[in-house]
PDB file of N, CA and C in Angstrom:
ATOM      1  N   MET A   1       0.840  -1.175   0.000  1.00  0.00           N
ATOM      2  CA  MET A   1       0.000   0.000   0.000  1.00  0.00           C
ATOM      3  C   MET A   1       0.886   1.239   0.000  1.00  0.00           C
ATOM      4  N   ALA A   2       0.595   2.198  -0.867  1.00  0.00           N
ATOM      5  CA  ALA A   2       1.379   3.420  -0.968  1.00  0.00           C
ATOM      6  C   ALA A   2       1.075   4.342   0.205  1.00  0.00           C
ATOM      7  N   HIS A   3       2.106   5.044   0.639  1.00  0.00           N
ATOM      8  CA  HIS A   3       1.941   5.994   1.734  1.00  0.00           C
ATOM      9  C   HIS A   3       1.313   7.273   1.193  1.00  0.00           C
ATOM     10  N   GLU A   4       0.193   7.668   1.753  1.00  0.00           N
ATOM     11  CA  GLU A   4      -0.487   8.893   1.359  1.00  0.00           C
ATOM     12  C   GLU A   4       0.000  10.037   2.239  1.00  0.00           C
ATOM     13  N   THR A   5       0.328  11.147   1.622  1.00  0.00           N
ATOM     14  CA  THR A   5       0.747  12.317   2.387  1.00  0.00           C
ATOM     15  C   THR A   5      -0.441  13.256   2.560  1.00  0.00           C
ATOM     16  N   GLU A   6      -0.301  14.176   3.486  1.00  0.00           N
ATOM     17  CA  GLU A   6      -1.356  15.138   3.774  1.00  0.00           C
ATOM     18  C   GLU A   6      -1.438  16.218   2.694  1.00  0.00           C
ATOM     19  N   PHE A   7      -0.326  16.473   2.015  1.00  0.00           N
ATOM     20  CA  PHE A   7      -0.261  17.510   0.990  1.00  0.00           C
ATOM     21  C   PHE A   7       0.232  16.930  -0.330  1.00  0.00           C
ATOM     22  N   ILE A   8      -0.156  17.590  -1.425  1.00  0.00           N
ATOM     23  CA  ILE A   8       0.361  17.238  -2.747  1.00  0.00           C
ATOM     24  C   ILE A   8       0.872  18.517  -3.402  1.00  0.00           C
ATOM     25  N   LEU A   9       1.695  18.356  -4.402  1.00  0.00           N
ATOM     26  CA  LEU A   9       2.254  19.493  -5.131  1.00  0.00           C
ATOM     27  C   LEU A   9       1.349  19.869  -6.301  1.00  0.00           C
ATOM     28  N   ILE A  10       1.582  21.048  -6.856  1.00  0.00           N
ATOM     29  CA  ILE A  10       0.791  21.532  -7.991  1.00  0.00           C
ATOM     30  C   ILE A  10       0.827  20.531  -9.149  1.00  0.00           C
ATOM     31  N   GLY A  11       1.996  20.043  -9.498  1.00  0.00           N
ATOM     32  CA  GLY A  11       2.114  19.095 -10.612  1.00  0.00           C
ATOM     33  C   GLY A  11       1.356  17.811 -10.372  1.00  0.00           C
ATOM     34  N   GLN A  12       1.392  17.315  -9.126  1.00  0.00           N
ATOM     35  CA  GLN A  12       0.646  16.104  -8.791  1.00  0.00           C
ATOM     36  C   GLN A  12      -0.859  16.357  -8.919  1.00  0.00           C
ATOM     37  N   ALA A  13      -1.313  17.492  -8.419  1.00  0.00           N
ATOM     38  CA  ALA A  13      -2.735  17.840  -8.520  1.00  0.00           C
ATOM     39  C   ALA A  13      -3.149  17.977  -9.984  1.00  0.00           C
ATOM     40  N   ALA A  14      -2.287  18.575 -10.801  1.00  0.00           N
ATOM     41  CA  ALA A  14      -2.593  18.742 -12.222  1.00  0.00           C
ATOM     42  C   ALA A  14      -2.755  17.383 -12.910  1.00  0.00           C
ATOM     43  N   ARG A  15      -1.894  16.431 -12.567  1.00  0.00           N
ATOM     44  CA  ARG A  15      -2.009  15.089 -13.154  1.00  0.00           C
ATOM     45  C   ARG A  15      -3.292  14.390 -12.704  1.00  0.00           C
ATOM     46  N   ILE A  16      -3.623  14.505 -11.430  1.00  0.00           N
ATOM     47  CA  ILE A  16      -4.836  13.882 -10.906  1.00  0.00           C
ATOM     48  C   ILE A  16      -6.072  14.490 -11.546  1.00  0.00           C
ATOM     49  N   LEU A  17      -6.086  15.822 -11.673  1.00  0.00           N
ATOM     50  CA  LEU A  17      -7.247  16.533 -12.199  1.00  0.00           C
ATOM     51  C   LEU A  17      -7.280  16.586 -13.722  1.00  0.00           C
ATOM     52  N   LYS A  18      -6.178  16.164 -14.346  1.00  0.00           N
ATOM     53  CA  LYS A  18      -6.059  16.198 -15.807  1.00  0.00           C
ATOM     54  C   LYS A  18      -6.268  17.621 -16.339  1.00  0.00           C
ATOM     55  N   ARG A  19      -5.567  18.551 -15.696  1.00  0.00           N
ATOM     56  CA  ARG A  19      -5.594  19.963 -16.072  1.00  0.00           C
ATOM     57  C   ARG A  19      -4.167  20.472 -16.196  1.00  0.00           C
ATOM     58  N   PRO A  20      -3.942  21.525 -16.989  1.00  0.00           N
ATOM     59  CA  PRO A  20      -2.601  22.107 -17.088  1.00  0.00           C
ATOM     60  C   PRO A  20      -2.130  22.677 -15.752  1.00  0.00           C
ATOM     61  N   ASP A  21      -0.821  22.613 -15.530  1.00  0.00           N
ATOM     62  CA  ASP A  21      -0.237  23.120 -14.282  1.00  0.00           C
ATOM     63  C   ASP A  21      -0.651  24.562 -13.990  1.00  0.00           C
ATOM     64  N   HIS A  22      -0.650  25.417 -15.035  1.00  0.00           N
ATOM     65  CA  HIS A  22      -0.928  26.833 -14.785  1.00  0.00           C
ATOM     66  C   HIS A  22      -2.347  27.049 -14.259  1.00  0.00           C
ATOM     67  N   GLN A  23      -3.312  26.241 -14.706  1.00  0.00           N
ATOM     68  CA  GLN A  23      -4.681  26.377 -14.200  1.00  0.00           C
ATOM     69  C   GLN A  23      -4.754  25.986 -12.727  1.00  0.00           C
ATOM     70  N   VAL A  24      -4.082  24.912 -12.376  1.00  0.00           N
ATOM     71  CA  VAL A  24      -4.069  24.455 -10.989  1.00  0.00           C
ATOM     72  C   VAL A  24      -3.364  25.482 -10.113  1.00  0.00           C
ATOM     73  N   ARG A  25      -2.216  25.973 -10.565  1.00  0.00           N
ATOM     74  CA  ARG A  25      -1.438  26.943  -9.782  1.00  0.00           C
ATOM     75  C   ARG A  25      -2.230  28.233  -9.562  1.00  0.00           C
ATOM     76  N   ARG A  26      -2.819  28.779 -10.622  1.00  0.00           N
ATOM     77  CA  ARG A  26      -3.559  30.044 -10.486  1.00  0.00           C
ATOM     78  C   ARG A  26      -4.777  29.899  -9.584  1.00  0.00           C
ATOM     79  N   THR A  27      -5.476  28.794  -9.729  1.00  0.00           N
ATOM     80  CA  THR A  27      -6.661  28.575  -8.904  1.00  0.00           C
ATOM     81  C   THR A  27      -6.275  28.327  -7.449  1.00  0.00           C
ATOM     82  N   ALA A  28      -5.232  27.548  -7.218  1.00  0.00           N
ATOM     83  CA  ALA A  28      -4.771  27.306  -5.852  1.00  0.00           C
ATOM     84  C   ALA A  28      -4.319  28.613  -5.200  1.00  0.00           C
ATOM     85  N   ASP A  29      -3.637  29.467  -5.948  1.00  0.00           N
ATOM     86  CA  ASP A  29      -3.208  30.756  -5.409  1.00  0.00           C
ATOM     87  C   ASP A  29      -4.399  31.627  -5.031  1.00  0.00           C
ATOM     88  N   GLN A  30      -5.479  31.511  -5.806  1.00  0.00           N
ATOM     89  CA  GLN A  30      -6.687  32.274  -5.503  1.00  0.00           C
ATOM     90  C   GLN A  30      -7.383  31.720  -4.255  1.00  0.00           C
ATOM     91  N   LEU A  31      -7.475  30.397  -4.156  1.00  0.00           N
ATOM     92  CA  LEU A  31      -8.149  29.771  -3.018  1.00  0.00           C
ATOM     93  C   LEU A  31      -7.347  29.903  -1.726  1.00  0.00           C
ATOM     94  N   TRP A  32      -6.040  29.710  -1.827  1.00  0.00           N
ATOM     95  CA  TRP A  32      -5.170  29.704  -0.643  1.00  0.00           C
ATOM     96  C   TRP A  32      -3.972  30.626  -0.876  1.00  0.00           C
ATOM     97  N   PRO A  33      -4.162  31.946  -0.750  1.00  0.00           N
ATOM     98  CA  PRO A  33      -3.056  32.878  -1.032  1.00  0.00           C
ATOM     99  C   PRO A  33      -1.843  32.682  -0.124  1.00  0.00           C
ATOM    100  N   ASN A  34      -2.043  32.157   1.055  1.00  0.00           N
ATOM    101  CA  ASN A  34      -0.934  31.921   1.985  1.00  0.00           C
ATOM    102  C   ASN A  34      -0.709  30.430   2.178  1.00  0.00           C
ATOM    103  N   ALA A  35      -0.799  29.687   1.092  1.00  0.00           N
ATOM    104  CA  ALA A  35      -0.641  28.230   1.159  1.00  0.00           C
ATOM    105  C   ALA A  35       0.744  27.876   1.690  1.00  0.00           C
ATOM    106  N   PRO A  36       0.814  26.774   2.418  1.00  0.00           N
ATOM    107  CA  PRO A  36       2.130  26.345   2.897  1.00  0.00           C
ATOM    108  C   PRO A  36       3.035  25.981   1.722  1.00  0.00           C
ATOM    109  N   ARG A  37       4.316  26.124   1.928  1.00  0.00           N
ATOM    110  CA  ARG A  37       5.288  25.813   0.874  1.00  0.00           C
ATOM    111  C   ARG A  37       6.395  24.932   1.415  1.00  0.00           C
ATOM    112  N   SER A  38       6.989  24.225   0.496  1.00  0.00           N
ATOM    113  CA  SER A  38       8.216  23.489   0.777  1.00  0.00           C
ATOM    114  C   SER A  38       9.232  24.053  -0.204  1.00  0.00           C
ATOM    115  N   GLY A  39      10.032  24.991   0.263  1.00  0.00           N
ATOM    116  CA  GLY A  39      10.907  25.716  -0.643  1.00  0.00           C
ATOM    117  C   GLY A  39      10.071  26.577  -1.571  1.00  0.00           C
ATOM    118  N   ARG A  40      10.236  26.394  -2.860  1.00  0.00           N
ATOM    119  CA  ARG A  40       9.450  27.176  -3.825  1.00  0.00           C
ATOM    120  C   ARG A  40       8.183  26.469  -4.269  1.00  0.00           C
ATOM    121  N   PHE A  41       7.942  25.281  -3.750  1.00  0.00           N
ATOM    122  CA  PHE A  41       6.795  24.482  -4.167  1.00  0.00           C
ATOM    123  C   PHE A  41       5.588  24.726  -3.270  1.00  0.00           C
ATOM    124  N   ARG A  42       4.435  24.975  -3.904  1.00  0.00           N
ATOM    125  CA  ARG A  42       3.189  25.156  -3.164  1.00  0.00           C
ATOM    126  C   ARG A  42       2.660  23.786  -2.741  1.00  0.00           C
ATOM    127  N   LEU A  43       2.133  23.717  -1.533  1.00  0.00           N
ATOM    128  CA  LEU A  43       1.561  22.480  -1.019  1.00  0.00           C
ATOM    129  C   LEU A  43       0.043  22.623  -0.957  1.00  0.00           C
ATOM    130  N   ILE A  44      -0.648  21.681  -1.552  1.00  0.00           N
ATOM    131  CA  ILE A  44      -2.105  21.687  -1.579  1.00  0.00           C
ATOM    132  C   ILE A  44      -2.594  20.600  -0.631  1.00  0.00           C
ATOM    133  N   PRO A  45      -3.496  20.936   0.281  1.00  0.00           N
ATOM    134  CA  PRO A  45      -4.036  19.896   1.164  1.00  0.00           C
ATOM    135  C   PRO A  45      -4.790  18.847   0.338  1.00  0.00           C
ATOM    136  N   ARG A  46      -4.433  17.593   0.493  1.00  0.00           N
ATOM    137  CA  ARG A  46      -5.089  16.514  -0.254  1.00  0.00           C
ATOM    138  C   ARG A  46      -6.599  16.513  -0.006  1.00  0.00           C
ATOM    139  N   ALA A  47      -7.012  16.864   1.212  1.00  0.00           N
ATOM    140  CA  ALA A  47      -8.434  16.883   1.559  1.00  0.00           C
ATOM    141  C   ALA A  47      -9.204  17.946   0.777  1.00  0.00           C
ATOM    142  N   GLU A  48      -8.498  18.930   0.206  1.00  0.00           N
ATOM    143  CA  GLU A  48      -9.146  20.019  -0.535  1.00  0.00           C
ATOM    144  C   GLU A  48      -9.139  19.801  -2.051  1.00  0.00           C
ATOM    145  N   LEU A  49      -8.768  18.622  -2.495  1.00  0.00           N
ATOM    146  CA  LEU A  49      -8.675  18.356  -3.926  1.00  0.00           C
ATOM    147  C   LEU A  49     -10.015  18.538  -4.634  1.00  0.00           C
ATOM    148  N   CYS A  50     -11.107  18.142  -3.990  1.00  0.00           N
ATOM    149  CA  CYS A  50     -12.432  18.294  -4.603  1.00  0.00           C
ATOM    150  C   CYS A  50     -12.815  19.761  -4.769  1.00  0.00           C
ATOM    151  N   SER A  51     -12.530  20.573  -3.751  1.00  0.00           N
ATOM    152  CA  SER A  51     -12.856  21.996  -3.867  1.00  0.00           C
ATOM    153  C   SER A  51     -11.972  22.662  -4.913  1.00  0.00           C
ATOM    154  N   LEU A  52     -10.733  22.217  -5.033  1.00  0.00           N
ATOM    155  CA  LEU A  52      -9.847  22.735  -6.071  1.00  0.00           C
ATOM    156  C   LEU A  52     -10.369  22.360  -7.453  1.00  0.00           C
ATOM    157  N   ALA A  53     -10.802  21.120  -7.615  1.00  0.00           N
ATOM    158  CA  ALA A  53     -11.340  20.669  -8.905  1.00  0.00           C
ATOM    159  C   ALA A  53     -12.567  21.474  -9.303  1.00  0.00           C
ATOM    160  N   ALA A  54     -13.454  21.737  -8.353  1.00  0.00           N
ATOM    161  CA  ALA A  54     -14.655  22.518  -8.637  1.00  0.00           C
ATOM    162  C   ALA A  54     -14.310  23.958  -9.010  1.00  0.00           C
ATOM    163  N   ALA A  55     -13.344  24.539  -8.298  1.00  0.00           N
ATOM    164  CA  ALA A  55     -12.934  25.921  -8.582  1.00  0.00           C
ATOM    165  C   ALA A  55     -12.275  26.024  -9.955  1.00  0.00           C
ATOM    166  N   ILE A  56     -11.478  25.032 -10.327  1.00  0.00           N
ATOM    167  CA  ILE A  56     -10.850  25.038 -11.650  1.00  0.00           C
ATOM    168  C   ILE A  56     -11.912  24.916 -12.731  1.00  0.00           C
ATOM    169  N   ALA A  57     -12.874  24.020 -12.536  1.00  0.00           N
ATOM    170  CA  ALA A  57     -13.948  23.837 -13.525  1.00  0.00           C
ATOM    171  C   ALA A  57     -14.755  25.120 -13.702  1.00  0.00           C
ATOM    172  N   ALA A  58     -14.960  25.857 -12.616  1.00  0.00           N
ATOM    173  CA  ALA A  58     -15.699  27.113 -12.696  1.00  0.00           C
ATOM    174  C   ALA A  58     -14.871  28.220 -13.349  1.00  0.00           C
ATOM    175  N   ARG A  59     -13.588  28.250 -13.052  1.00  0.00           N
ATOM    176  CA  ARG A  59     -12.720  29.316 -13.554  1.00  0.00           C
ATOM    177  C   ARG A  59     -12.266  29.084 -14.987  1.00  0.00           C
ATOM    178  N   PHE A  60     -12.036  27.825 -15.353  1.00  0.00           N
ATOM    179  CA  PHE A  60     -11.547  27.480 -16.686  1.00  0.00           C
ATOM    180  C   PHE A  60     -12.457  26.426 -17.313  1.00  0.00           C
ATOM    181  N   PRO A  61     -13.671  26.814 -17.684  1.00  0.00           N
ATOM    182  CA  PRO A  61     -14.564  25.812 -18.283  1.00  0.00           C
ATOM    183  C   PRO A  61     -13.997  25.315 -19.604  1.00  0.00           C
ATOM    184  N   GLU A  62     -14.019  24.001 -19.764  1.00  0.00           N
ATOM    185  CA  GLU A  62     -13.548  23.428 -21.024  1.00  0.00           C
ATOM    186  C   GLU A  62     -14.618  23.658 -22.076  1.00  0.00           C
ATOM    187  N   SER A  63     -14.193  23.811 -23.325  1.00  0.00           N
ATOM    188  CA  SER A  63     -15.168  24.037 -24.392  1.00  0.00           C
ATOM    189  C   SER A  63     -15.944  22.754 -24.650  1.00  0.00           C
ATOM    190  N   HIS A  64     -17.236  22.901 -24.821  1.00  0.00           N
ATOM    191  CA  HIS A  64     -18.119  21.782 -25.124  1.00  0.00           C
ATOM    192  C   HIS A  64     -18.878  22.105 -26.398  1.00  0.00           C
ATOM    193  N   SER A  65     -19.165  21.102 -27.179  1.00  0.00           N
ATOM    194  CA  SER A  65     -19.959  21.326 -28.379  1.00  0.00           C
ATOM    195  C   SER A  65     -21.382  21.668 -27.966  1.00  0.00           C
ATOM    196  N   SER A  66     -22.141  22.254 -28.870  1.00  0.00           N
ATOM    197  CA  SER A  66     -23.487  22.696 -28.538  1.00  0.00           C
ATOM    198  C   SER A  66     -24.386  21.530 -28.141  1.00  0.00           C
ATOM    199  N   THR A  67     -24.100  20.332 -28.627  1.00  0.00           N
ATOM    200  CA  THR A  67     -24.928  19.189 -28.256  1.00  0.00           C
ATOM    201  C   THR A  67     -24.618  18.698 -26.850  1.00  0.00           C
ATOM    202  N   LYS A  68     -23.421  18.970 -26.346  1.00  0.00           N
ATOM    203  CA  LYS A  68     -23.040  18.519 -25.018  1.00  0.00           C
ATOM    204  C   LYS A  68     -23.131  19.616 -23.973  1.00  0.00           C
ATOM    205  N   ALA A  69     -23.277  20.844 -24.394  1.00  0.00           N
ATOM    206  CA  ALA A  69     -23.255  21.955 -23.443  1.00  0.00           C
ATOM    207  C   ALA A  69     -24.482  21.915 -22.550  1.00  0.00           C
ATOM    208  N   ASN A  70     -24.229  21.897 -21.257  1.00  0.00           N
ATOM    209  CA  ASN A  70     -25.302  22.001 -20.271  1.00  0.00           C
ATOM    210  C   ASN A  70     -24.700  22.431 -18.949  1.00  0.00           C
ATOM    211  N   SER A  71     -25.547  22.744 -17.990  1.00  0.00           N
ATOM    212  CA  SER A  71     -25.063  23.269 -16.718  1.00  0.00           C
ATOM    213  C   SER A  71     -24.372  22.212 -15.872  1.00  0.00           C
ATOM    214  N   ASN A  72     -24.532  20.937 -16.189  1.00  0.00           N
ATOM    215  CA  ASN A  72     -23.906  19.883 -15.405  1.00  0.00           C
ATOM    216  C   ASN A  72     -22.541  19.474 -15.942  1.00  0.00           C
ATOM    217  N   ALA A  73     -22.061  20.110 -16.988  1.00  0.00           N
ATOM    218  CA  ALA A  73     -20.792  19.719 -17.599  1.00  0.00           C
ATOM    219  C   ALA A  73     -19.639  19.832 -16.607  1.00  0.00           C
ATOM    220  N   ALA A  74     -19.549  20.939 -15.887  1.00  0.00           N
ATOM    221  CA  ALA A  74     -18.452  21.110 -14.931  1.00  0.00           C
ATOM    222  C   ALA A  74     -18.564  20.121 -13.784  1.00  0.00           C
ATOM    223  N   ALA A  75     -19.760  19.876 -13.301  1.00  0.00           N
ATOM    224  CA  ALA A  75     -19.945  18.942 -12.187  1.00  0.00           C
ATOM    225  C   ALA A  75     -19.544  17.527 -12.581  1.00  0.00           C
ATOM    226  N   SER A  76     -19.836  17.132 -13.818  1.00  0.00           N
ATOM    227  CA  SER A  76     -19.468  15.781 -14.236  1.00  0.00           C
ATOM    228  C   SER A  76     -17.956  15.635 -14.371  1.00  0.00           C
ATOM    229  N   ASP A  77     -17.253  16.713 -14.691  1.00  0.00           N
ATOM    230  CA  ASP A  77     -15.791  16.669 -14.772  1.00  0.00           C
ATOM    231  C   ASP A  77     -15.167  16.483 -13.394  1.00  0.00           C
ATOM    232  N   VAL A  78     -15.821  16.978 -12.360  1.00  0.00           N
ATOM    233  CA  VAL A  78     -15.290  16.928 -11.001  1.00  0.00           C
ATOM    234  C   VAL A  78     -15.594  15.592 -10.336  1.00  0.00           C
ATOM    235  N   ALA A  79     -16.691  14.963 -10.689  1.00  0.00           N
ATOM    236  CA  ALA A  79     -17.163  13.759  -9.993  1.00  0.00           C
ATOM    237  C   ALA A  79     -16.105  12.666  -9.849  1.00  0.00           C
ATOM    238  N   PRO A  80     -15.347  12.289 -10.900  1.00  0.00           N
ATOM    239  CA  PRO A  80     -14.374  11.211 -10.714  1.00  0.00           C
ATOM    240  C   PRO A  80     -13.278  11.556  -9.712  1.00  0.00           C
ATOM    241  N   VAL A  81     -12.921  12.818  -9.603  1.00  0.00           N
ATOM    242  CA  VAL A  81     -11.860  13.245  -8.700  1.00  0.00           C
ATOM    243  C   VAL A  81     -12.328  13.173  -7.246  1.00  0.00           C
ATOM    244  N   CYS A  82     -13.572  13.357  -7.016  1.00  0.00           N
ATOM    245  CA  CYS A  82     -14.105  13.404  -5.656  1.00  0.00           C
ATOM    246  C   CYS A  82     -14.612  12.050  -5.182  1.00  0.00           C
ATOM    247  N   SER A  83     -14.110  10.985  -5.749  1.00  0.00           N
ATOM    248  CA  SER A  83     -14.488   9.649  -5.292  1.00  0.00           C
ATOM    249  C   SER A  83     -13.892   9.411  -3.904  1.00  0.00           C
ATOM    250  N   PRO A  84     -14.483   8.535  -3.128  1.00  0.00           N
ATOM    251  CA  PRO A  84     -13.980   8.287  -1.766  1.00  0.00           C
ATOM    252  C   PRO A  84     -12.513   7.846  -1.736  1.00  0.00           C
ATOM    253  N   ASP A  85     -12.022   7.184  -2.774  1.00  0.00           N
ATOM    254  CA  ASP A  85     -10.638   6.725  -2.802  1.00  0.00           C
ATOM    255  C   ASP A  85      -9.639   7.891  -2.783  1.00  0.00           C
ATOM    256  N   LEU A  86     -10.002   9.017  -3.407  1.00  0.00           N
ATOM    257  CA  LEU A  86      -9.085  10.148  -3.487  1.00  0.00           C
ATOM    258  C   LEU A  86      -9.184  11.076  -2.286  1.00  0.00           C
ATOM    259  N   ARG A  87     -10.230  10.955  -1.517  1.00  0.00           N
ATOM    260  CA  ARG A  87     -10.414  11.861  -0.368  1.00  0.00           C
ATOM    261  C   ARG A  87      -9.542  11.457   0.804  1.00  0.00           C
ATOM    262  N   THR A  88      -9.103  10.222   0.849  1.00  0.00           N
ATOM    263  CA  THR A  88      -8.319   9.774   1.999  1.00  0.00           C
ATOM    264  C   THR A  88      -6.846   9.862   1.736  1.00  0.00           C
TER     265      THR A  88
END
C-alpha cells in the first residue's frame, strides 16, 4: 500500500485533475493565497482536492460542443476526482 501524504504538489494535482499546471497553480493561489510551501513548491491539502477541482472547472470551463453543453458539464468533470478513494 502506498503511503499517502497530507499535501500534494501543484504538478501532482494537475495530473490527478487532468488539467494544465498553470490552471491548478492560479486557482490554488486564488483559493489559498498563503498556502504552505516546501521551498518554492506550493503544497495543496489533499483533503481540498475536490474543492480545487470545482474551482478550476468554474474558472476554466472546457469548451463543449453545442450538443453537449449544459449546466452539469463542470460537475461531471469533477465527480471522478471526488471519489472516496481520493479523499483519503
